[in-house]
Amino acid sequence: MMRAVTSSGANYHEARGAESRRDFIHKLRIAHKEAEEALYWAQVAEQAAVGPGEMLRRLITQVDEVCRILAVSIRTAREGARANRCGREEGGKDASKTGDEPVGWEPE
């Protein structure tokens, strides 16, 4: 279970260094899948009464929150990528990014 819990964080850390928006989204999806697996194992442990119940319930709550945060982050990144592909950002302004720049990249 420790590997499942820590894998999501490692994959998120890797996503922060993504080489493009597409790569960022891909790595966030991997982090989300790993968080979902950690949630599964925590729920199995709780049902099997393996360990202190209160600690497992807190873990389940926290991992569920991580899953939700990653899901919203993926959705937001996808929406930003769609706006860039259409050549428009919110508000109808022309987009200056192509969606394949490194995270944090800004046009000059």
N, C-alpha and C. Protein backbone atom coordinates (compact mmCIF):
# COMPACT_ATOMS: atom_id res chain seq x y z
N MET A 1 0.83 -1.18 0.00
CA MET A 1 0.00 0.00 0.00
C MET A 1 0.88 1.26 0.00
N MET A 2 2.02 1.18 0.68
CA MET A 2 2.93 2.34 0.72
C MET A 2 3.37 2.73 -0.69
N ARG A 3 3.63 1.76 -1.53
CA ARG A 3 4.06 2.05 -2.90
C ARG A 3 2.95 2.74 -3.68
N ALA A 4 1.71 2.27 -3.49
CA ALA A 4 0.58 2.89 -4.20
C ALA A 4 0.37 4.32 -3.75
N VAL A 5 0.51 4.58 -2.45
CA VAL A 5 0.29 5.92 -1.93
C VAL A 5 1.38 6.88 -2.41
N THR A 6 2.61 6.45 -2.38
CA THR A 6 3.71 7.34 -2.75
C THR A 6 3.89 7.49 -4.25
N SER A 7 3.44 6.52 -5.02
CA SER A 7 3.59 6.58 -6.48
C SER A 7 2.84 7.77 -7.07
N SER A 8 1.67 8.06 -6.55
CA SER A 8 0.90 9.18 -7.07
C SER A 8 1.67 10.49 -6.91
N GLY A 9 2.28 10.67 -5.74
CA GLY A 9 3.06 11.88 -5.50
C GLY A 9 4.27 11.98 -6.41
N ALA A 10 4.92 10.85 -6.63
CA ALA A 10 6.09 10.83 -7.51
C ALA A 10 5.69 11.17 -8.95
N ASN A 11 4.56 10.64 -9.38
CA ASN A 11 4.09 10.93 -10.74
C ASN A 11 3.64 12.38 -10.88
N TYR A 12 3.04 12.94 -9.84
CA TYR A 12 2.67 14.35 -9.88
C TYR A 12 3.93 15.22 -9.98
N HIS A 13 4.93 14.88 -9.19
CA HIS A 13 6.19 15.62 -9.23
C HIS A 13 6.79 15.57 -10.64
N GLU A 14 6.72 14.42 -11.28
CA GLU A 14 7.23 14.29 -12.64
C GLU A 14 6.39 15.13 -13.61
N ALA A 15 5.09 15.20 -13.40
CA ALA A 15 4.21 15.99 -14.27
C ALA A 15 4.59 17.46 -14.21
N ARG A 16 5.02 17.94 -13.06
CA ARG A 16 5.41 19.34 -12.92
C ARG A 16 6.59 19.69 -13.81
N GLY A 17 7.38 18.71 -14.20
CA GLY A 17 8.50 18.95 -15.09
C GLY A 17 8.22 18.53 -16.52
N ALA A 18 6.95 18.41 -16.87
CA ALA A 18 6.57 17.94 -18.20
C ALA A 18 7.14 18.84 -19.29
N GLU A 19 7.37 18.25 -20.46
CA GLU A 19 7.95 18.97 -21.58
C GLU A 19 6.92 19.67 -22.45
N SER A 20 5.64 19.32 -22.27
CA SER A 20 4.58 19.95 -23.04
C SER A 20 3.28 19.81 -22.27
N ARG A 21 2.26 20.52 -22.71
CA ARG A 21 0.95 20.40 -22.05
C ARG A 21 0.42 18.98 -22.20
N ARG A 22 0.61 18.41 -23.38
CA ARG A 22 0.15 17.03 -23.61
C ARG A 22 0.85 16.06 -22.65
N ASP A 23 2.16 16.23 -22.48
CA ASP A 23 2.93 15.40 -21.56
C ASP A 23 2.46 15.63 -20.12
N PHE A 24 2.19 16.88 -19.78
CA PHE A 24 1.68 17.23 -18.45
C PHE A 24 0.38 16.50 -18.15
N ILE A 25 -0.55 16.56 -19.09
CA ILE A 25 -1.85 15.90 -18.92
C ILE A 25 -1.66 14.39 -18.79
N HIS A 26 -0.83 13.82 -19.63
CA HIS A 26 -0.56 12.38 -19.58
C HIS A 26 -0.03 11.97 -18.21
N LYS A 27 0.93 12.72 -17.70
CA LYS A 27 1.53 12.37 -16.41
C LYS A 27 0.57 12.61 -15.26
N LEU A 28 -0.29 13.62 -15.37
CA LEU A 28 -1.32 13.82 -14.36
C LEU A 28 -2.30 12.65 -14.35
N ARG A 29 -2.62 12.14 -15.52
CA ARG A 29 -3.53 10.98 -15.60
C ARG A 29 -2.91 9.76 -14.93
N ILE A 30 -1.61 9.58 -15.08
CA ILE A 30 -0.93 8.47 -14.42
C ILE A 30 -1.00 8.67 -12.90
N ALA A 31 -0.73 9.89 -12.44
CA ALA A 31 -0.80 10.19 -11.01
C ALA A 31 -2.21 9.92 -10.48
N HIS A 32 -3.22 10.27 -11.26
CA HIS A 32 -4.61 10.03 -10.87
C HIS A 32 -4.90 8.54 -10.76
N LYS A 33 -4.44 7.78 -11.73
CA LYS A 33 -4.63 6.33 -11.68
C LYS A 33 -3.98 5.73 -10.45
N GLU A 34 -2.78 6.18 -10.13
CA GLU A 34 -2.07 5.67 -8.95
C GLU A 34 -2.80 6.07 -7.67
N ALA A 35 -3.37 7.27 -7.62
CA ALA A 35 -4.13 7.69 -6.45
C ALA A 35 -5.39 6.84 -6.30
N GLU A 36 -6.03 6.54 -7.43
CA GLU A 36 -7.21 5.67 -7.39
C GLU A 36 -6.85 4.28 -6.86
N GLU A 37 -5.69 3.77 -7.25
CA GLU A 37 -5.23 2.48 -6.74
C GLU A 37 -4.96 2.55 -5.23
N ALA A 38 -4.35 3.62 -4.78
CA ALA A 38 -4.10 3.80 -3.35
C ALA A 38 -5.41 3.84 -2.58
N LEU A 39 -6.41 4.52 -3.15
CA LEU A 39 -7.73 4.59 -2.52
C LEU A 39 -8.33 3.20 -2.40
N TYR A 40 -8.22 2.42 -3.46
CA TYR A 40 -8.72 1.04 -3.45
C TYR A 40 -8.08 0.23 -2.31
N TRP A 41 -6.74 0.28 -2.23
CA TRP A 41 -6.04 -0.52 -1.22
C TRP A 41 -6.36 -0.04 0.19
N ALA A 42 -6.54 1.25 0.38
CA ALA A 42 -6.91 1.77 1.70
C ALA A 42 -8.31 1.28 2.08
N GLN A 43 -9.22 1.26 1.12
CA GLN A 43 -10.57 0.75 1.39
C GLN A 43 -10.55 -0.74 1.69
N VAL A 44 -9.72 -1.49 0.98
CA VAL A 44 -9.59 -2.93 1.26
C VAL A 44 -9.05 -3.13 2.67
N ALA A 45 -8.04 -2.36 3.04
CA ALA A 45 -7.45 -2.48 4.38
C ALA A 45 -8.47 -2.14 5.46
N GLU A 46 -9.28 -1.12 5.20
CA GLU A 46 -10.30 -0.74 6.18
C GLU A 46 -11.32 -1.87 6.34
N GLN A 47 -11.78 -2.42 5.24
CA GLN A 47 -12.79 -3.49 5.30
C GLN A 47 -12.25 -4.75 5.94
N ALA A 48 -10.96 -5.00 5.74
CA ALA A 48 -10.34 -6.19 6.33
C ALA A 48 -9.88 -5.93 7.76
N ALA A 49 -10.11 -4.71 8.25
CA ALA A 49 -9.71 -4.32 9.61
C ALA A 49 -8.22 -4.53 9.83
N VAL A 50 -7.43 -4.13 8.82
CA VAL A 50 -5.97 -4.23 8.92
C VAL A 50 -5.46 -2.86 9.35
N GLY A 51 -5.22 -2.68 10.61
CA GLY A 51 -4.73 -1.40 11.11
C GLY A 51 -5.82 -0.62 11.80
N PRO A 52 -5.43 0.49 12.44
CA PRO A 52 -6.38 1.33 13.17
C PRO A 52 -7.43 1.92 12.23
N GLY A 53 -8.69 1.70 12.55
CA GLY A 53 -9.79 2.14 11.68
C GLY A 53 -9.82 3.63 11.45
N GLU A 54 -9.60 4.42 12.53
CA GLU A 54 -9.64 5.88 12.39
C GLU A 54 -8.53 6.36 11.46
N MET A 55 -7.34 5.78 11.58
CA MET A 55 -6.23 6.17 10.72
C MET A 55 -6.56 5.85 9.25
N LEU A 56 -7.14 4.68 9.02
CA LEU A 56 -7.49 4.29 7.65
C LEU A 56 -8.59 5.19 7.09
N ARG A 57 -9.57 5.57 7.92
CA ARG A 57 -10.62 6.47 7.45
C ARG A 57 -10.04 7.84 7.07
N ARG A 58 -9.09 8.34 7.87
CA ARG A 58 -8.43 9.62 7.52
C ARG A 58 -7.65 9.48 6.22
N LEU A 59 -6.95 8.35 6.07
CA LEU A 59 -6.18 8.10 4.84
C LEU A 59 -7.11 8.06 3.63
N ILE A 60 -8.22 7.35 3.78
CA ILE A 60 -9.19 7.26 2.68
C ILE A 60 -9.70 8.65 2.30
N THR A 61 -10.02 9.46 3.30
CA THR A 61 -10.50 10.82 3.03
C THR A 61 -9.44 11.64 2.30
N GLN A 62 -8.21 11.57 2.76
CA GLN A 62 -7.14 12.34 2.14
C GLN A 62 -6.83 11.88 0.72
N VAL A 63 -6.79 10.57 0.51
CA VAL A 63 -6.50 10.06 -0.84
C VAL A 63 -7.66 10.39 -1.78
N ASP A 64 -8.89 10.33 -1.27
CA ASP A 64 -10.04 10.71 -2.09
C ASP A 64 -9.94 12.17 -2.51
N GLU A 65 -9.50 13.04 -1.59
CA GLU A 65 -9.31 14.45 -1.92
C GLU A 65 -8.24 14.62 -3.00
N VAL A 66 -7.16 13.87 -2.90
CA VAL A 66 -6.10 13.93 -3.91
C VAL A 66 -6.66 13.50 -5.27
N CYS A 67 -7.45 12.44 -5.29
CA CYS A 67 -8.07 11.97 -6.54
C CYS A 67 -8.92 13.07 -7.16
N ARG A 68 -9.71 13.73 -6.34
CA ARG A 68 -10.58 14.80 -6.84
C ARG A 68 -9.77 15.98 -7.37
N ILE A 69 -8.72 16.36 -6.64
CA ILE A 69 -7.86 17.47 -7.07
C ILE A 69 -7.20 17.15 -8.41
N LEU A 70 -6.69 15.94 -8.53
CA LEU A 70 -6.04 15.55 -9.79
C LEU A 70 -7.05 15.52 -10.94
N ALA A 71 -8.26 15.03 -10.68
CA ALA A 71 -9.29 14.99 -11.72
C ALA A 71 -9.62 16.39 -12.22
N VAL A 72 -9.76 17.35 -11.30
CA VAL A 72 -10.05 18.74 -11.69
C VAL A 72 -8.85 19.34 -12.42
N SER A 73 -7.65 19.03 -11.97
CA SER A 73 -6.45 19.54 -12.64
C SER A 73 -6.36 19.04 -14.07
N ILE A 74 -6.68 17.77 -14.28
CA ILE A 74 -6.67 17.19 -15.63
C ILE A 74 -7.70 17.89 -16.49
N ARG A 75 -8.89 18.07 -15.96
CA ARG A 75 -9.96 18.73 -16.71
C ARG A 75 -9.56 20.15 -17.08
N THR A 76 -8.99 20.89 -16.13
CA THR A 76 -8.56 22.26 -16.38
C THR A 76 -7.47 22.31 -17.45
N ALA A 77 -6.50 21.41 -17.36
CA ALA A 77 -5.42 21.38 -18.35
C ALA A 77 -5.96 21.04 -19.73
N ARG A 78 -6.91 20.11 -19.80
CA ARG A 78 -7.51 19.75 -21.09
C ARG A 78 -8.27 20.93 -21.69
N GLU A 79 -9.03 21.63 -20.85
CA GLU A 79 -9.80 22.78 -21.35
C GLU A 79 -8.86 23.87 -21.87
N GLY A 80 -7.75 24.08 -21.18
CA GLY A 80 -6.76 25.05 -21.64
C GLY A 80 -6.15 24.63 -22.97
N ALA A 81 -5.91 23.32 -23.11
CA ALA A 81 -5.35 22.80 -24.36
C ALA A 81 -6.35 22.99 -25.50
N ARG A 82 -7.63 22.74 -25.23
CA ARG A 82 -8.65 22.92 -26.27
C ARG A 82 -8.74 24.37 -26.70
N ALA A 83 -8.70 25.29 -25.72
CA ALA A 83 -8.77 26.72 -26.06
C ALA A 83 -7.58 27.11 -26.93
N ASN A 84 -6.41 26.59 -26.62
CA ASN A 84 -5.23 26.91 -27.41
C ASN A 84 -5.31 26.32 -28.81
N ARG A 85 -5.84 25.09 -28.94
CA ARG A 85 -5.96 24.47 -30.26
C ARG A 85 -6.90 25.26 -31.14
N CYS A 86 -7.91 25.86 -30.54
CA CYS A 86 -8.87 26.64 -31.32
C CYS A 86 -8.33 28.03 -31.65
N GLY A 87 -7.16 28.36 -31.10
CA GLY A 87 -6.58 29.66 -31.38
C GLY A 87 -7.17 30.77 -30.54
N ARG A 88 -7.94 30.39 -29.54
CA ARG A 88 -8.58 31.38 -28.69
C ARG A 88 -8.43 30.98 -27.23
N GLU A 89 -8.31 31.97 -26.40
CA GLU A 89 -8.35 31.77 -24.96
C GLU A 89 -9.67 32.30 -24.46
N GLU A 90 -9.93 32.16 -23.18
CA GLU A 90 -11.15 32.70 -22.62
C GLU A 90 -11.22 34.19 -22.92
N GLY A 91 -12.40 34.66 -23.21
CA GLY A 91 -12.57 36.07 -23.53
C GLY A 91 -12.40 36.35 -25.01
N GLY A 92 -12.11 35.33 -25.83
CA GLY A 92 -12.01 35.48 -27.26
C GLY A 92 -10.70 36.04 -27.77
N LYS A 93 -9.70 36.18 -26.90
CA LYS A 93 -8.41 36.70 -27.33
C LYS A 93 -7.62 35.62 -28.04
N ASP A 94 -6.77 36.03 -28.96
CA ASP A 94 -5.91 35.07 -29.65
C ASP A 94 -4.95 34.42 -28.67
N ALA A 95 -4.78 33.12 -28.79
CA ALA A 95 -3.84 32.41 -27.92
C ALA A 95 -2.45 32.53 -28.50
N SER A 96 -1.48 32.75 -27.64
CA SER A 96 -0.10 32.84 -28.12
C SER A 96 0.66 31.56 -27.88
N LYS A 97 0.06 30.60 -27.19
CA LYS A 97 0.71 29.32 -26.92
C LYS A 97 0.11 28.25 -27.82
N THR A 98 0.89 27.26 -28.14
CA THR A 98 0.39 26.17 -28.97
C THR A 98 -0.11 25.00 -28.16
N GLY A 99 0.18 24.97 -26.85
CA GLY A 99 -0.20 23.86 -26.02
C GLY A 99 0.90 22.84 -25.87
N ASP A 100 2.02 23.01 -26.57
CA ASP A 100 3.12 22.06 -26.49
C ASP A 100 4.36 22.66 -25.85
N GLU A 101 4.20 23.84 -25.22
CA GLU A 101 5.33 24.47 -24.56
C GLU A 101 5.54 23.84 -23.19
N PRO A 102 6.74 23.93 -22.65
CA PRO A 102 6.97 23.45 -21.30
C PRO A 102 6.07 24.17 -20.31
N VAL A 103 5.69 23.49 -19.25
CA VAL A 103 4.85 24.09 -18.23
C VAL A 103 5.57 25.30 -17.67
N GLY A 104 4.85 26.39 -17.53
CA GLY A 104 5.44 27.61 -17.03
C GLY A 104 6.01 28.49 -18.12
N TRP A 105 6.03 28.01 -19.37
CA TRP A 105 6.59 28.76 -20.49
C TRP A 105 5.65 29.92 -20.82
N GLU A 106 6.22 31.05 -21.06
CA GLU A 106 5.45 32.23 -21.46
C GLU A 106 6.07 32.82 -22.72
N PRO A 107 5.25 33.25 -23.67
CA PRO A 107 5.81 33.86 -24.89
C PRO A 107 6.46 35.20 -24.55
N GLU A 108 7.43 35.58 -25.34
CA GLU A 108 8.12 36.86 -25.12
C GLU A 108 7.33 37.99 -25.70
